[in-house]
Amino acid sequence: MSNKIQHFDGPTFEADVLQAAEPVVVDFYADWCHPCHMMGPVIEQLAGEFAGKVKIGKLDVDANEDIAIRYGVMGIPTLGLFSGGKMVDRLVGFPGSAAPIRAWVEKHANAVPVKS
């Protein structure tokens, strides 16, 4: 499932996230962040479930500090949901399991997970 995860960065952020036709969930993370590591497998799982409906990827805040600042990311992990070129919602912190994140994505992206 990890092949569904995209890695966003400065040069491609506008095209990959802001100009995307589908909603995009960006996982703002850092390699040194323990809760970010706990979020990783959940994000990979959800990327597979929502494939074709919602684009899900990661953005390293240490390598892309300007983007994190632009969107007011003050704590990590933070999930940002982008639609129509704007961040329309965020979820800060790791909620402990996939269920709250899945519900958040479904609520804000009006998407139904693709069943495998």
N, C-alpha and C. Protein backbone atom coordinates (compact mmCIF):
# COMPACT_ATOMS: atom_id res chain seq x y z
N MET A 1 0.80 -1.21 0.00
CA MET A 1 0.00 0.00 0.00
C MET A 1 0.84 1.26 0.00
N SER A 2 2.09 1.17 0.41
CA SER A 2 2.91 2.36 0.52
C SER A 2 3.11 3.07 -0.82
N ASN A 3 2.84 2.37 -1.95
CA ASN A 3 2.99 3.04 -3.24
C ASN A 3 1.89 4.06 -3.48
N LYS A 4 0.86 4.08 -2.66
CA LYS A 4 -0.22 5.06 -2.79
C LYS A 4 0.15 6.39 -2.13
N ILE A 5 1.13 6.37 -1.24
CA ILE A 5 1.56 7.57 -0.52
C ILE A 5 2.44 8.41 -1.42
N GLN A 6 2.08 9.67 -1.56
CA GLN A 6 2.92 10.59 -2.30
C GLN A 6 3.74 11.40 -1.31
N HIS A 7 4.87 11.89 -1.77
CA HIS A 7 5.68 12.78 -0.95
C HIS A 7 5.66 14.14 -1.62
N PHE A 8 5.10 15.11 -0.91
CA PHE A 8 4.98 16.45 -1.44
C PHE A 8 6.19 17.28 -1.00
N ASP A 9 6.56 18.25 -1.83
CA ASP A 9 7.62 19.17 -1.45
C ASP A 9 7.40 20.50 -2.17
N GLY A 10 8.24 21.45 -1.84
CA GLY A 10 8.09 22.81 -2.35
C GLY A 10 7.89 22.94 -3.84
N PRO A 11 8.77 22.36 -4.68
CA PRO A 11 8.65 22.56 -6.12
C PRO A 11 7.38 21.99 -6.74
N THR A 12 6.81 20.95 -6.13
CA THR A 12 5.63 20.32 -6.73
C THR A 12 4.35 20.52 -5.93
N PHE A 13 4.44 21.24 -4.81
CA PHE A 13 3.28 21.37 -3.91
C PHE A 13 2.08 21.99 -4.62
N GLU A 14 2.31 23.04 -5.38
CA GLU A 14 1.18 23.70 -6.05
C GLU A 14 0.48 22.75 -7.01
N ALA A 15 1.25 22.07 -7.86
CA ALA A 15 0.65 21.16 -8.84
C ALA A 15 0.03 19.93 -8.17
N ASP A 16 0.74 19.33 -7.21
CA ASP A 16 0.28 18.09 -6.59
C ASP A 16 -0.87 18.28 -5.60
N VAL A 17 -0.91 19.43 -4.93
CA VAL A 17 -1.89 19.64 -3.86
C VAL A 17 -2.89 20.72 -4.24
N LEU A 18 -2.41 21.92 -4.51
CA LEU A 18 -3.31 23.04 -4.70
C LEU A 18 -4.11 22.96 -6.00
N GLN A 19 -3.54 22.36 -7.03
CA GLN A 19 -4.24 22.26 -8.31
C GLN A 19 -4.86 20.89 -8.55
N ALA A 20 -4.85 20.04 -7.54
CA ALA A 20 -5.40 18.69 -7.69
C ALA A 20 -6.90 18.73 -7.91
N ALA A 21 -7.39 17.83 -8.76
CA ALA A 21 -8.83 17.76 -9.03
C ALA A 21 -9.59 17.17 -7.83
N GLU A 22 -8.94 16.23 -7.12
CA GLU A 22 -9.57 15.59 -5.99
C GLU A 22 -9.10 16.23 -4.69
N PRO A 23 -9.82 15.98 -3.59
CA PRO A 23 -9.34 16.46 -2.29
C PRO A 23 -7.98 15.83 -1.98
N VAL A 24 -7.17 16.55 -1.21
CA VAL A 24 -5.83 16.08 -0.87
C VAL A 24 -5.64 16.19 0.64
N VAL A 25 -5.18 15.10 1.26
CA VAL A 25 -4.81 15.11 2.67
C VAL A 25 -3.29 15.14 2.72
N VAL A 26 -2.74 16.15 3.40
CA VAL A 26 -1.30 16.28 3.57
C VAL A 26 -0.95 15.99 5.02
N ASP A 27 -0.09 15.01 5.21
CA ASP A 27 0.42 14.67 6.54
C ASP A 27 1.70 15.48 6.75
N PHE A 28 1.60 16.55 7.53
CA PHE A 28 2.78 17.36 7.88
C PHE A 28 3.50 16.62 8.99
N TYR A 29 4.75 16.21 8.74
CA TYR A 29 5.48 15.36 9.69
C TYR A 29 6.95 15.76 9.72
N ALA A 30 7.69 15.14 10.67
CA ALA A 30 9.16 15.24 10.71
C ALA A 30 9.69 13.88 11.12
N ASP A 31 10.88 13.55 10.65
CA ASP A 31 11.47 12.25 10.95
C ASP A 31 11.72 12.04 12.44
N TRP A 32 11.97 13.11 13.19
CA TRP A 32 12.30 12.98 14.62
C TRP A 32 11.06 12.91 15.51
N CYS A 33 9.87 13.02 14.93
CA CYS A 33 8.60 13.10 15.69
C CYS A 33 8.02 11.71 15.92
N HIS A 34 7.99 11.26 17.19
CA HIS A 34 7.47 9.92 17.51
C HIS A 34 5.99 9.76 17.13
N PRO A 35 5.10 10.70 17.49
CA PRO A 35 3.70 10.55 17.07
C PRO A 35 3.54 10.50 15.54
N CYS A 36 4.44 11.17 14.82
CA CYS A 36 4.40 11.12 13.35
C CYS A 36 4.67 9.70 12.87
N HIS A 37 5.60 9.00 13.53
CA HIS A 37 5.89 7.62 13.17
C HIS A 37 4.70 6.71 13.45
N MET A 38 3.95 6.99 14.51
CA MET A 38 2.76 6.21 14.82
C MET A 38 1.67 6.48 13.77
N MET A 39 1.61 7.69 13.24
CA MET A 39 0.61 8.07 12.24
C MET A 39 0.92 7.42 10.89
N GLY A 40 2.19 7.16 10.59
CA GLY A 40 2.61 6.67 9.28
C GLY A 40 1.83 5.47 8.75
N PRO A 41 1.74 4.36 9.50
CA PRO A 41 1.01 3.19 9.00
C PRO A 41 -0.48 3.48 8.77
N VAL A 42 -1.06 4.33 9.58
CA VAL A 42 -2.47 4.69 9.42
C VAL A 42 -2.66 5.47 8.11
N ILE A 43 -1.76 6.39 7.84
CA ILE A 43 -1.84 7.18 6.60
C ILE A 43 -1.68 6.26 5.39
N GLU A 44 -0.76 5.30 5.47
CA GLU A 44 -0.58 4.34 4.37
C GLU A 44 -1.85 3.52 4.15
N GLN A 45 -2.47 3.06 5.23
CA GLN A 45 -3.70 2.28 5.14
C GLN A 45 -4.80 3.10 4.48
N LEU A 46 -4.99 4.34 4.93
CA LEU A 46 -6.05 5.19 4.39
C LEU A 46 -5.79 5.58 2.94
N ALA A 47 -4.52 5.73 2.57
CA ALA A 47 -4.20 6.04 1.18
C ALA A 47 -4.70 4.91 0.27
N GLY A 48 -4.57 3.69 0.72
CA GLY A 48 -5.08 2.56 -0.04
C GLY A 48 -6.60 2.54 -0.09
N GLU A 49 -7.23 2.81 1.05
CA GLU A 49 -8.69 2.79 1.12
C GLU A 49 -9.33 3.88 0.26
N PHE A 50 -8.71 5.04 0.22
CA PHE A 50 -9.30 6.18 -0.49
C PHE A 50 -8.71 6.38 -1.89
N ALA A 51 -7.91 5.42 -2.37
CA ALA A 51 -7.28 5.55 -3.70
C ALA A 51 -8.34 5.84 -4.76
N GLY A 52 -8.07 6.84 -5.58
CA GLY A 52 -9.00 7.23 -6.63
C GLY A 52 -10.05 8.22 -6.19
N LYS A 53 -10.15 8.46 -4.88
CA LYS A 53 -11.15 9.41 -4.35
C LYS A 53 -10.48 10.60 -3.67
N VAL A 54 -9.45 10.30 -2.89
CA VAL A 54 -8.72 11.34 -2.15
C VAL A 54 -7.23 11.03 -2.29
N LYS A 55 -6.47 12.05 -2.64
CA LYS A 55 -5.01 11.90 -2.71
C LYS A 55 -4.46 12.10 -1.30
N ILE A 56 -3.61 11.19 -0.85
CA ILE A 56 -3.04 11.28 0.50
C ILE A 56 -1.53 11.22 0.39
N GLY A 57 -0.86 12.17 1.04
CA GLY A 57 0.59 12.19 0.98
C GLY A 57 1.21 12.86 2.19
N LYS A 58 2.54 12.89 2.20
CA LYS A 58 3.29 13.40 3.34
C LYS A 58 4.15 14.58 2.91
N LEU A 59 4.36 15.50 3.86
CA LEU A 59 5.25 16.63 3.62
C LEU A 59 6.14 16.81 4.84
N ASP A 60 7.44 16.72 4.64
CA ASP A 60 8.43 16.87 5.71
C ASP A 60 8.55 18.36 6.05
N VAL A 61 8.16 18.72 7.28
CA VAL A 61 8.16 20.13 7.67
C VAL A 61 9.57 20.68 7.83
N ASP A 62 10.55 19.83 8.11
CA ASP A 62 11.92 20.31 8.22
C ASP A 62 12.47 20.71 6.85
N ALA A 63 12.13 19.95 5.83
CA ALA A 63 12.61 20.23 4.48
C ALA A 63 11.75 21.28 3.76
N ASN A 64 10.53 21.51 4.26
CA ASN A 64 9.58 22.42 3.62
C ASN A 64 8.97 23.38 4.64
N GLU A 65 9.84 23.99 5.41
CA GLU A 65 9.40 24.87 6.50
C GLU A 65 8.50 26.00 6.00
N ASP A 66 8.79 26.55 4.82
CA ASP A 66 7.99 27.65 4.28
C ASP A 66 6.53 27.25 4.06
N ILE A 67 6.31 26.02 3.59
CA ILE A 67 4.93 25.56 3.37
C ILE A 67 4.23 25.36 4.71
N ALA A 68 4.92 24.77 5.68
CA ALA A 68 4.33 24.57 7.01
C ALA A 68 3.94 25.91 7.62
N ILE A 69 4.80 26.91 7.49
CA ILE A 69 4.52 28.24 8.04
C ILE A 69 3.33 28.87 7.30
N ARG A 70 3.31 28.74 5.99
CA ARG A 70 2.23 29.33 5.18
C ARG A 70 0.86 28.82 5.63
N TYR A 71 0.78 27.56 6.04
CA TYR A 71 -0.50 26.97 6.44
C TYR A 71 -0.67 26.88 7.96
N GLY A 72 0.17 27.59 8.70
CA GLY A 72 -0.01 27.70 10.14
C GLY A 72 0.16 26.40 10.90
N VAL A 73 1.01 25.51 10.40
CA VAL A 73 1.25 24.25 11.09
C VAL A 73 2.20 24.54 12.26
N MET A 74 1.65 24.42 13.47
CA MET A 74 2.42 24.77 14.66
C MET A 74 2.77 23.55 15.49
N GLY A 75 2.14 22.43 15.21
CA GLY A 75 2.43 21.18 15.91
C GLY A 75 2.32 20.04 14.93
N ILE A 76 3.10 19.00 15.17
CA ILE A 76 3.03 17.84 14.29
C ILE A 76 2.82 16.57 15.12
N PRO A 77 2.18 15.58 14.56
CA PRO A 77 1.66 15.56 13.20
C PRO A 77 0.41 16.43 13.06
N THR A 78 0.28 17.02 11.89
CA THR A 78 -0.93 17.74 11.51
C THR A 78 -1.36 17.22 10.16
N LEU A 79 -2.63 16.88 10.03
CA LEU A 79 -3.19 16.53 8.73
C LEU A 79 -3.94 17.74 8.21
N GLY A 80 -3.64 18.14 7.00
CA GLY A 80 -4.35 19.24 6.36
C GLY A 80 -5.16 18.70 5.21
N LEU A 81 -6.44 19.08 5.14
CA LEU A 81 -7.28 18.66 4.03
C LEU A 81 -7.43 19.84 3.08
N PHE A 82 -6.96 19.64 1.86
CA PHE A 82 -6.98 20.69 0.84
C PHE A 82 -8.04 20.37 -0.20
N SER A 83 -8.77 21.40 -0.59
CA SER A 83 -9.77 21.26 -1.64
C SER A 83 -9.90 22.60 -2.34
N GLY A 84 -9.92 22.60 -3.65
CA GLY A 84 -10.04 23.86 -4.38
C GLY A 84 -8.89 24.82 -4.15
N GLY A 85 -7.71 24.29 -3.88
CA GLY A 85 -6.53 25.12 -3.71
C GLY A 85 -6.37 25.75 -2.33
N LYS A 86 -7.22 25.35 -1.38
CA LYS A 86 -7.15 25.92 -0.03
C LYS A 86 -7.18 24.80 1.01
N MET A 87 -6.56 25.07 2.17
CA MET A 87 -6.70 24.14 3.29
C MET A 87 -8.05 24.41 3.91
N VAL A 88 -8.93 23.42 3.88
CA VAL A 88 -10.28 23.60 4.38
C VAL A 88 -10.48 23.06 5.80
N ASP A 89 -9.55 22.23 6.26
CA ASP A 89 -9.63 21.75 7.64
C ASP A 89 -8.29 21.13 8.02
N ARG A 90 -8.11 20.95 9.33
CA ARG A 90 -6.89 20.31 9.83
C ARG A 90 -7.24 19.45 11.03
N LEU A 91 -6.40 18.45 11.23
CA LEU A 91 -6.52 17.56 12.38
C LEU A 91 -5.13 17.51 12.99
N VAL A 92 -5.01 17.98 14.23
CA VAL A 92 -3.70 18.09 14.87
C VAL A 92 -3.52 16.95 15.87
N GLY A 93 -2.37 16.28 15.80
CA GLY A 93 -2.06 15.19 16.71
C GLY A 93 -2.51 13.85 16.18
N PHE A 94 -1.99 12.79 16.78
CA PHE A 94 -2.37 11.43 16.41
C PHE A 94 -3.49 10.97 17.33
N PRO A 95 -4.69 10.68 16.77
CA PRO A 95 -5.83 10.33 17.62
C PRO A 95 -5.82 8.90 18.15
N GLY A 96 -4.79 8.11 17.85
CA GLY A 96 -4.68 6.78 18.44
C GLY A 96 -5.06 5.63 17.54
N SER A 97 -5.82 5.89 16.48
CA SER A 97 -6.20 4.82 15.56
C SER A 97 -6.64 5.42 14.23
N ALA A 98 -6.95 4.53 13.30
CA ALA A 98 -7.37 4.98 11.97
C ALA A 98 -8.80 5.51 11.96
N ALA A 99 -9.67 5.02 12.83
CA ALA A 99 -11.10 5.34 12.76
C ALA A 99 -11.39 6.84 12.80
N PRO A 100 -10.84 7.61 13.74
CA PRO A 100 -11.16 9.05 13.76
C PRO A 100 -10.63 9.77 12.52
N ILE A 101 -9.50 9.32 12.00
CA ILE A 101 -8.95 9.97 10.81
C ILE A 101 -9.81 9.63 9.60
N ARG A 102 -10.21 8.37 9.49
CA ARG A 102 -11.08 7.94 8.39
C ARG A 102 -12.39 8.75 8.41
N ALA A 103 -12.99 8.89 9.59
CA ALA A 103 -14.24 9.65 9.70
C ALA A 103 -14.03 11.11 9.30
N TRP A 104 -12.90 11.68 9.69
CA TRP A 104 -12.58 13.07 9.35
C TRP A 104 -12.44 13.23 7.85
N VAL A 105 -11.74 12.31 7.20
CA VAL A 105 -11.57 12.39 5.75
C VAL A 105 -12.92 12.24 5.06
N GLU A 106 -13.71 11.25 5.47
CA GLU A 106 -15.02 11.04 4.86
C GLU A 106 -15.92 12.26 5.02
N LYS A 107 -15.92 12.85 6.20
CA LYS A 107 -16.77 14.01 6.49
C LYS A 107 -16.40 15.20 5.61
N HIS A 108 -15.12 15.48 5.52
CA HIS A 108 -14.69 16.69 4.82
C HIS A 108 -14.48 16.51 3.33
N ALA A 109 -14.23 15.30 2.90
CA ALA A 109 -13.97 15.08 1.48
C ALA A 109 -15.17 14.47 0.76
N ASN A 110 -16.22 14.16 1.52
CA ASN A 110 -17.40 13.52 0.95
C ASN A 110 -17.00 12.32 0.11
N ALA A 111 -16.10 11.51 0.66
CA ALA A 111 -15.60 10.35 -0.07
C ALA A 111 -15.98 9.07 0.66
N VAL A 112 -16.17 8.04 -0.11
CA VAL A 112 -16.44 6.73 0.47
C VAL A 112 -15.23 5.86 0.17
N PRO A 113 -14.66 5.21 1.17
CA PRO A 113 -13.48 4.37 0.91
C PRO A 113 -13.79 3.30 -0.12
N VAL A 114 -12.82 3.04 -0.95
CA VAL A 114 -12.93 1.96 -1.93
C VAL A 114 -12.67 0.65 -1.19
N LYS A 115 -13.57 -0.29 -1.30
CA LYS A 115 -13.40 -1.58 -0.61
C LYS A 115 -12.51 -2.47 -1.46
N SER A 116 -11.55 -3.14 -0.78
CA SER A 116 -10.66 -4.03 -1.53
C SER A 116 -11.22 -5.41 -1.58
